[in-house]
Amino acid sequence: MGVELPRTEIEQVAGPMTDDQLRQLCVYVQKLAADAEKMSLISRNELPNLGRHVLDSAAILAFRDLPESGVADLGTGGGLPGVVLSILRPKVKVTLIDSRRSKIVFLKSVQRLVGLENMEIVHARLEDLAGARRFPLAVARALGRLDRVLETSLAVVEGGGSLVLYKGPRWRAEAEQAAVIAGRCGAVIERVEGVELPGTDRTTTFVEFRAGAVSRETASQG
């Protein structure tokens, strides 16, 4: 199926991209659409929205810069946002992590097809990576409920590094619980900011946790 990518809108959040980068994005999205059902990558209902999913994935680039030394996409699934970030920031090493073998097989085929030398693919559960791999920045777009994933996600972030979650309108209901879990892990919520997705009526809320930080309450008592 042909998928129209909103180049102008993507550039509004991510900055200018080359024609080759647009081609790479198109090749990736076409592969994602072709394999979506047989590899359980994305639901049939979401196929018409692939352009918006790419835009949403790129929106983190309007929120913060990515360290060239390494970014991890936790529970990447079909590669959103990891593949998109790898294409748009070719100087940044992007590590895509997922525990499901079918997703790893798909991502390796994408890597060969698109030619992404800055992309690393890791087949592992986050629980098994904790302590073995740590990254200056980790991102997660659709990893699951905070009470189930926040602690293990922070465990793969190096001291002083950041975990950034893509969240939606329900973030406010999760904020208090997230602060408690983060504090238990020695982290704090450092920044929360909404990024409007151009050409849509949607806003993505980015929540940045600083790992290895001392909570403000503890600091005030010291």
C-alpha atoms as a PDB file:
ATOM      1  CA  MET A   1       0.000   0.000   0.000  1.00  0.00           C
ATOM      2  CA  GLY A   2       1.173   3.538  -0.684  1.00  0.00           C
ATOM      3  CA  VAL A   3       1.664   5.720   2.387  1.00  0.00           C
ATOM      4  CA  GLU A   4       1.847   9.500   2.180  1.00  0.00           C
ATOM      5  CA  LEU A   5       4.330  10.987   4.649  1.00  0.00           C
ATOM      6  CA  PRO A   6       3.764  14.565   5.860  1.00  0.00           C
ATOM      7  CA  ARG A   7       7.230  15.915   5.019  1.00  0.00           C
ATOM      8  CA  THR A   8       6.488  19.546   5.879  1.00  0.00           C
ATOM      9  CA  GLU A   9       5.020  18.615   9.247  1.00  0.00           C
ATOM     10  CA  ILE A  10       7.880  16.224  10.072  1.00  0.00           C
ATOM     11  CA  GLU A  11      10.387  18.965   9.279  1.00  0.00           C
ATOM     12  CA  GLN A  12       8.510  21.368  11.557  1.00  0.00           C
ATOM     13  CA  VAL A  13       9.293  19.163  14.556  1.00  0.00           C
ATOM     14  CA  ALA A  14      12.565  17.535  13.465  1.00  0.00           C
ATOM     15  CA  GLY A  15      14.226  20.137  11.254  1.00  0.00           C
ATOM     16  CA  PRO A  16      15.124  19.853   7.549  1.00  0.00           C
ATOM     17  CA  MET A  17      15.648  16.412   6.094  1.00  0.00           C
ATOM     18  CA  THR A  18      17.219  15.352   2.819  1.00  0.00           C
ATOM     19  CA  ASP A  19      15.420  13.676  -0.048  1.00  0.00           C
ATOM     20  CA  ASP A  20      17.354  10.515   0.814  1.00  0.00           C
ATOM     21  CA  GLN A  21      16.062  10.582   4.383  1.00  0.00           C
ATOM     22  CA  LEU A  22      12.517  10.984   3.081  1.00  0.00           C
ATOM     23  CA  ARG A  23      13.113   8.011   0.776  1.00  0.00           C
ATOM     24  CA  GLN A  24      14.379   5.939   3.713  1.00  0.00           C
ATOM     25  CA  LEU A  25      11.308   6.831   5.763  1.00  0.00           C
ATOM     26  CA  CYS A  26       9.042   5.862   2.873  1.00  0.00           C
ATOM     27  CA  VAL A  27      10.802   2.514   2.392  1.00  0.00           C
ATOM     28  CA  TYR A  28      10.487   1.796   6.114  1.00  0.00           C
ATOM     29  CA  VAL A  29       6.805   2.739   6.294  1.00  0.00           C
ATOM     30  CA  GLN A  30       5.978   0.670   3.211  1.00  0.00           C
ATOM     31  CA  LYS A  31       7.724  -2.332   4.773  1.00  0.00           C
ATOM     32  CA  LEU A  32       5.875  -1.720   8.046  1.00  0.00           C
ATOM     33  CA  ALA A  33       2.546  -1.578   6.217  1.00  0.00           C
ATOM     34  CA  ALA A  34       3.312  -4.704   4.169  1.00  0.00           C
ATOM     35  CA  ASP A  35       4.299  -6.826   7.182  1.00  0.00           C
ATOM     36  CA  ALA A  36       1.977  -5.282   9.769  1.00  0.00           C
ATOM     37  CA  GLU A  37      -0.626  -8.004  10.061  1.00  0.00           C
ATOM     38  CA  LYS A  38       1.414 -11.164   9.577  1.00  0.00           C
ATOM     39  CA  MET A  39       4.017 -10.014  12.129  1.00  0.00           C
ATOM     40  CA  SER A  40       1.591  -8.247  14.522  1.00  0.00           C
ATOM     41  CA  LEU A  41       3.424  -4.932  14.147  1.00  0.00           C
ATOM     42  CA  ILE A  42       0.480  -2.561  14.132  1.00  0.00           C
ATOM     43  CA  SER A  43      -3.278  -3.014  14.040  1.00  0.00           C
ATOM     44  CA  ARG A  44      -5.172  -2.900  10.741  1.00  0.00           C
ATOM     45  CA  ASN A  45      -7.107   0.141  11.996  1.00  0.00           C
ATOM     46  CA  GLU A  46      -3.883   2.101  12.436  1.00  0.00           C
ATOM     47  CA  LEU A  47      -2.491   1.476   8.946  1.00  0.00           C
ATOM     48  CA  PRO A  48      -4.079   4.661   7.515  1.00  0.00           C
ATOM     49  CA  ASN A  49      -2.395   6.605  10.348  1.00  0.00           C
ATOM     50  CA  LEU A  50       1.203   5.540   9.705  1.00  0.00           C
ATOM     51  CA  GLY A  51       2.150   9.041   8.592  1.00  0.00           C
ATOM     52  CA  ARG A  52       0.942  10.399  11.924  1.00  0.00           C
ATOM     53  CA  HIS A  53       2.840   7.714  13.818  1.00  0.00           C
ATOM     54  CA  VAL A  54       6.042   8.765  12.048  1.00  0.00           C
ATOM     55  CA  LEU A  55       5.313  12.413  12.870  1.00  0.00           C
ATOM     56  CA  ASP A  56       4.654  11.520  16.506  1.00  0.00           C
ATOM     57  CA  SER A  57       7.889   9.506  16.650  1.00  0.00           C
ATOM     58  CA  ALA A  58       9.856  12.471  15.292  1.00  0.00           C
ATOM     59  CA  ALA A  59       8.237  14.938  17.723  1.00  0.00           C
ATOM     60  CA  ILE A  60      10.773  14.165  20.470  1.00  0.00           C
ATOM     61  CA  LEU A  61      13.313  16.086  18.361  1.00  0.00           C
ATOM     62  CA  ALA A  62      11.323  19.248  19.119  1.00  0.00           C
ATOM     63  CA  PHE A  63      11.529  18.417  22.824  1.00  0.00           C
ATOM     64  CA  ARG A  64      15.267  17.748  23.200  1.00  0.00           C
ATOM     65  CA  ASP A  65      18.501  16.907  21.393  1.00  0.00           C
ATOM     66  CA  LEU A  66      19.694  13.319  21.179  1.00  0.00           C
ATOM     67  CA  PRO A  67      23.204  12.457  22.451  1.00  0.00           C
ATOM     68  CA  GLU A  68      25.386  11.045  19.680  1.00  0.00           C
ATOM     69  CA  SER A  69      26.825   8.569  22.181  1.00  0.00           C
ATOM     70  CA  GLY A  70      23.634   6.588  22.367  1.00  0.00           C
ATOM     71  CA  VAL A  71      19.843   6.440  22.515  1.00  0.00           C
ATOM     72  CA  ALA A  72      17.858   3.311  23.398  1.00  0.00           C
ATOM     73  CA  ASP A  73      14.289   2.706  22.229  1.00  0.00           C
ATOM     74  CA  LEU A  74      12.738   0.447  24.863  1.00  0.00           C
ATOM     75  CA  GLY A  75      10.127  -2.054  23.690  1.00  0.00           C
ATOM     76  CA  THR A  76      10.454  -0.718  20.163  1.00  0.00           C
ATOM     77  CA  GLY A  77       8.022  -3.182  18.540  1.00  0.00           C
ATOM     78  CA  GLY A  78       7.894  -2.288  14.859  1.00  0.00           C
ATOM     79  CA  GLY A  79      10.505   0.445  15.272  1.00  0.00           C
ATOM     80  CA  LEU A  80       8.481   3.483  16.266  1.00  0.00           C
ATOM     81  CA  PRO A  81      10.242   5.713  17.240  1.00  0.00           C
ATOM     82  CA  GLY A  82      13.671   4.023  16.959  1.00  0.00           C
ATOM     83  CA  VAL A  83      13.847   3.548  13.183  1.00  0.00           C
ATOM     84  CA  VAL A  84      12.499   7.065  12.589  1.00  0.00           C
ATOM     85  CA  LEU A  85      15.120   8.589  14.912  1.00  0.00           C
ATOM     86  CA  SER A  86      17.872   6.506  13.316  1.00  0.00           C
ATOM     87  CA  ILE A  87      16.942   7.881   9.888  1.00  0.00           C
ATOM     88  CA  LEU A  88      16.506  11.499  10.978  1.00  0.00           C
ATOM     89  CA  ARG A  89      19.673  11.590  13.131  1.00  0.00           C
ATOM     90  CA  PRO A  90      22.256   9.461  11.252  1.00  0.00           C
ATOM     91  CA  LYS A  91      25.119  10.576  13.539  1.00  0.00           C
ATOM     92  CA  VAL A  92      23.349   9.234  16.639  1.00  0.00           C
ATOM     93  CA  LYS A  93      23.750   5.588  17.643  1.00  0.00           C
ATOM     94  CA  VAL A  94      20.232   4.245  18.178  1.00  0.00           C
ATOM     95  CA  THR A  95      19.695   0.906  19.956  1.00  0.00           C
ATOM     96  CA  LEU A  96      16.328  -0.782  19.449  1.00  0.00           C
ATOM     97  CA  ILE A  97      15.393  -3.224  22.213  1.00  0.00           C
ATOM     98  CA  ASP A  98      12.556  -5.726  22.162  1.00  0.00           C
ATOM     99  CA  SER A  99      11.875  -9.099  23.770  1.00  0.00           C
ATOM    100  CA  ARG A 100       9.800 -10.538  20.913  1.00  0.00           C
ATOM    101  CA  ARG A 101      11.686 -12.509  18.280  1.00  0.00           C
ATOM    102  CA  SER A 102       9.253 -11.647  15.469  1.00  0.00           C
ATOM    103  CA  LYS A 103       9.888  -7.936  16.021  1.00  0.00           C
ATOM    104  CA  ILE A 104      13.659  -8.492  15.955  1.00  0.00           C
ATOM    105  CA  VAL A 105      13.393 -10.394  12.658  1.00  0.00           C
ATOM    106  CA  PHE A 106      11.376  -7.527  11.178  1.00  0.00           C
ATOM    107  CA  LEU A 107      13.777  -4.846  12.421  1.00  0.00           C
ATOM    108  CA  LYS A 108      16.798  -6.647  10.985  1.00  0.00           C
ATOM    109  CA  SER A 109      15.070  -6.806   7.615  1.00  0.00           C
ATOM    110  CA  VAL A 110      14.387  -3.052   7.848  1.00  0.00           C
ATOM    111  CA  GLN A 111      18.015  -2.374   8.735  1.00  0.00           C
ATOM    112  CA  ARG A 112      19.201  -4.253   5.649  1.00  0.00           C
ATOM    113  CA  LEU A 113      16.563  -2.746   3.379  1.00  0.00           C
ATOM    114  CA  VAL A 114      17.004   0.878   4.466  1.00  0.00           C
ATOM    115  CA  GLY A 115      20.749   0.686   5.158  1.00  0.00           C
ATOM    116  CA  LEU A 116      20.957   2.023   8.725  1.00  0.00           C
ATOM    117  CA  GLU A 117      24.536   1.670   9.950  1.00  0.00           C
ATOM    118  CA  ASN A 118      23.866   3.689  13.123  1.00  0.00           C
ATOM    119  CA  MET A 119      21.195   1.266  14.344  1.00  0.00           C
ATOM    120  CA  GLU A 120      21.784  -1.594  16.795  1.00  0.00           C
ATOM    121  CA  ILE A 121      19.108  -4.232  17.419  1.00  0.00           C
ATOM    122  CA  VAL A 122      19.007  -6.061  20.750  1.00  0.00           C
ATOM    123  CA  HIS A 123      16.782  -9.047  21.501  1.00  0.00           C
ATOM    124  CA  ALA A 124      16.290  -8.920  25.273  1.00  0.00           C
ATOM    125  CA  ARG A 125      13.904  -8.250  28.131  1.00  0.00           C
ATOM    126  CA  LEU A 126      14.571  -5.010  29.998  1.00  0.00           C
ATOM    127  CA  GLU A 127      14.784  -6.952  33.252  1.00  0.00           C
ATOM    128  CA  ASP A 128      17.705  -8.929  31.833  1.00  0.00           C
ATOM    129  CA  LEU A 129      19.501  -5.808  30.572  1.00  0.00           C
ATOM    130  CA  ALA A 130      19.399  -3.978  33.900  1.00  0.00           C
ATOM    131  CA  GLY A 131      22.955  -3.528  35.077  1.00  0.00           C
ATOM    132  CA  ALA A 132      24.395  -5.028  31.880  1.00  0.00           C
ATOM    133  CA  ARG A 133      23.648  -2.128  29.520  1.00  0.00           C
ATOM    134  CA  ARG A 134      23.112   1.524  30.396  1.00  0.00           C
ATOM    135  CA  PHE A 135      22.395   4.416  28.060  1.00  0.00           C
ATOM    136  CA  PRO A 136      22.680   8.213  28.359  1.00  0.00           C
ATOM    137  CA  LEU A 137      19.140   8.466  26.983  1.00  0.00           C
ATOM    138  CA  ALA A 138      16.324   5.945  26.745  1.00  0.00           C
ATOM    139  CA  VAL A 139      12.938   6.580  25.147  1.00  0.00           C
ATOM    140  CA  ALA A 140       9.698   4.619  25.206  1.00  0.00           C
ATOM    141  CA  ARG A 141       6.633   5.357  23.125  1.00  0.00           C
ATOM    142  CA  ALA A 142       4.162   2.591  23.956  1.00  0.00           C
ATOM    143  CA  LEU A 143       5.803   0.388  26.526  1.00  0.00           C
ATOM    144  CA  GLY A 144       2.860  -0.172  28.863  1.00  0.00           C
ATOM    145  CA  ARG A 145       1.560   0.901  32.248  1.00  0.00           C
ATOM    146  CA  LEU A 146       3.933   3.042  34.306  1.00  0.00           C
ATOM    147  CA  ASP A 147       3.604   0.929  37.428  1.00  0.00           C
ATOM    148  CA  ARG A 148       4.852  -2.070  35.449  1.00  0.00           C
ATOM    149  CA  VAL A 149       7.627  -0.581  33.338  1.00  0.00           C
ATOM    150  CA  LEU A 150       9.046   2.589  34.891  1.00  0.00           C
ATOM    151  CA  GLU A 151      11.415   0.941  37.345  1.00  0.00           C
ATOM    152  CA  THR A 152      12.890  -1.487  34.790  1.00  0.00           C
ATOM    153  CA  SER A 153      13.184   1.307  32.217  1.00  0.00           C
ATOM    154  CA  LEU A 154      15.139   3.531  34.606  1.00  0.00           C
ATOM    155  CA  ALA A 155      17.441   0.588  35.360  1.00  0.00           C
ATOM    156  CA  VAL A 156      18.954   0.800  31.851  1.00  0.00           C
ATOM    157  CA  VAL A 157      19.686   4.541  32.089  1.00  0.00           C
ATOM    158  CA  GLU A 158      23.142   5.598  33.236  1.00  0.00           C
ATOM    159  CA  GLY A 159      23.565   7.879  36.251  1.00  0.00           C
ATOM    160  CA  GLY A 160      22.716  11.438  35.286  1.00  0.00           C
ATOM    161  CA  GLY A 161      21.075  10.227  32.082  1.00  0.00           C
ATOM    162  CA  SER A 162      17.448  10.574  31.046  1.00  0.00           C
ATOM    163  CA  LEU A 163      14.407   8.464  30.318  1.00  0.00           C
ATOM    164  CA  VAL A 164      11.833  10.171  28.101  1.00  0.00           C
ATOM    165  CA  LEU A 165       8.323   8.768  27.799  1.00  0.00           C
ATOM    166  CA  TYR A 166       5.817   9.623  25.081  1.00  0.00           C
ATOM    167  CA  LYS A 167       2.512  10.159  26.877  1.00  0.00           C
ATOM    168  CA  GLY A 168      -0.991  11.250  25.977  1.00  0.00           C
ATOM    169  CA  PRO A 169      -3.845  13.104  27.666  1.00  0.00           C
ATOM    170  CA  ARG A 170      -3.988  10.618  30.559  1.00  0.00           C
ATOM    171  CA  TRP A 171      -0.554  11.630  31.850  1.00  0.00           C
ATOM    172  CA  ARG A 172      -2.021  13.864  34.581  1.00  0.00           C
ATOM    173  CA  ALA A 173      -3.682  10.838  36.189  1.00  0.00           C
ATOM    174  CA  GLU A 174      -0.334   9.013  36.254  1.00  0.00           C
ATOM    175  CA  ALA A 175       1.905  11.882  37.359  1.00  0.00           C
ATOM    176  CA  GLU A 176       1.703  11.375  41.116  1.00  0.00           C
ATOM    177  CA  GLN A 177       2.334   7.647  40.917  1.00  0.00           C
ATOM    178  CA  ALA A 178       5.203   8.208  38.461  1.00  0.00           C
ATOM    179  CA  ALA A 179       6.898  10.629  40.859  1.00  0.00           C
ATOM    180  CA  VAL A 180       6.689   8.078  43.683  1.00  0.00           C
ATOM    181  CA  ILE A 181       8.125   5.237  41.585  1.00  0.00           C
ATOM    182  CA  ALA A 182      10.874   7.470  40.207  1.00  0.00           C
ATOM    183  CA  GLY A 183      11.826   8.617  43.705  1.00  0.00           C
ATOM    184  CA  ARG A 184      12.085   5.012  44.809  1.00  0.00           C
ATOM    185  CA  CYS A 185      14.621   4.493  41.998  1.00  0.00           C
ATOM    186  CA  GLY A 186      16.628   7.612  42.887  1.00  0.00           C
ATOM    187  CA  ALA A 187      15.232   9.561  39.930  1.00  0.00           C
ATOM    188  CA  VAL A 188      13.118  12.689  39.545  1.00  0.00           C
ATOM    189  CA  ILE A 189      10.712  14.021  36.956  1.00  0.00           C
ATOM    190  CA  GLU A 190      12.796  16.788  35.435  1.00  0.00           C
ATOM    191  CA  ARG A 191      10.607  18.164  32.674  1.00  0.00           C
ATOM    192  CA  VAL A 192       7.129  17.734  31.205  1.00  0.00           C
ATOM    193  CA  GLU A 193       6.259  19.430  27.940  1.00  0.00           C
ATOM    194  CA  GLY A 194       3.590  19.051  25.269  1.00  0.00           C
ATOM    195  CA  VAL A 195       4.550  19.158  21.599  1.00  0.00           C
ATOM    196  CA  GLU A 196       1.751  19.869  19.137  1.00  0.00           C
ATOM    197  CA  LEU A 197       1.759  17.612  16.088  1.00  0.00           C
ATOM    198  CA  PRO A 198       1.487  19.956  13.080  1.00  0.00           C
ATOM    199  CA  GLY A 199      -1.467  19.324  10.805  1.00  0.00           C
ATOM    200  CA  THR A 200      -3.349  17.384  13.486  1.00  0.00           C
ATOM    201  CA  ASP A 201      -5.409  18.179  16.556  1.00  0.00           C
ATOM    202  CA  ARG A 202      -3.085  16.104  18.737  1.00  0.00           C
ATOM    203  CA  THR A 203      -0.407  16.946  21.274  1.00  0.00           C
ATOM    204  CA  THR A 204       2.207  14.508  22.546  1.00  0.00           C
ATOM    205  CA  THR A 205       3.323  15.008  26.135  1.00  0.00           C
ATOM    206  CA  PHE A 206       6.984  14.204  26.781  1.00  0.00           C
ATOM    207  CA  VAL A 207       7.977  13.314  30.328  1.00  0.00           C
ATOM    208  CA  GLU A 208      11.694  13.354  31.117  1.00  0.00           C
ATOM    209  CA  PHE A 209      13.034  11.515  34.156  1.00  0.00           C
ATOM    210  CA  ARG A 210      16.566  12.252  35.356  1.00  0.00           C
ATOM    211  CA  ALA A 211      18.200   9.056  36.632  1.00  0.00           C
ATOM    212  CA  GLY A 212      20.500   8.945  39.620  1.00  0.00           C
ATOM    213  CA  ALA A 213      19.204  12.276  40.866  1.00  0.00           C
ATOM    214  CA  VAL A 214      18.353  13.107  44.483  1.00  0.00           C
ATOM    215  CA  SER A 215      14.740  14.046  45.072  1.00  0.00           C
ATOM    216  CA  ARG A 216      14.069  17.676  45.879  1.00  0.00           C
ATOM    217  CA  GLU A 217      12.450  16.696  49.207  1.00  0.00           C
ATOM    218  CA  THR A 218      15.511  14.691  50.274  1.00  0.00           C
ATOM    219  CA  ALA A 219      17.837  17.482  49.182  1.00  0.00           C
ATOM    220  CA  SER A 220      15.878  20.030  51.249  1.00  0.00           C
ATOM    221  CA  GLN A 221      16.223  17.840  54.331  1.00  0.00           C
ATOM    222  CA  GLY A 222      19.979  17.372  53.958  1.00  0.00           C
END
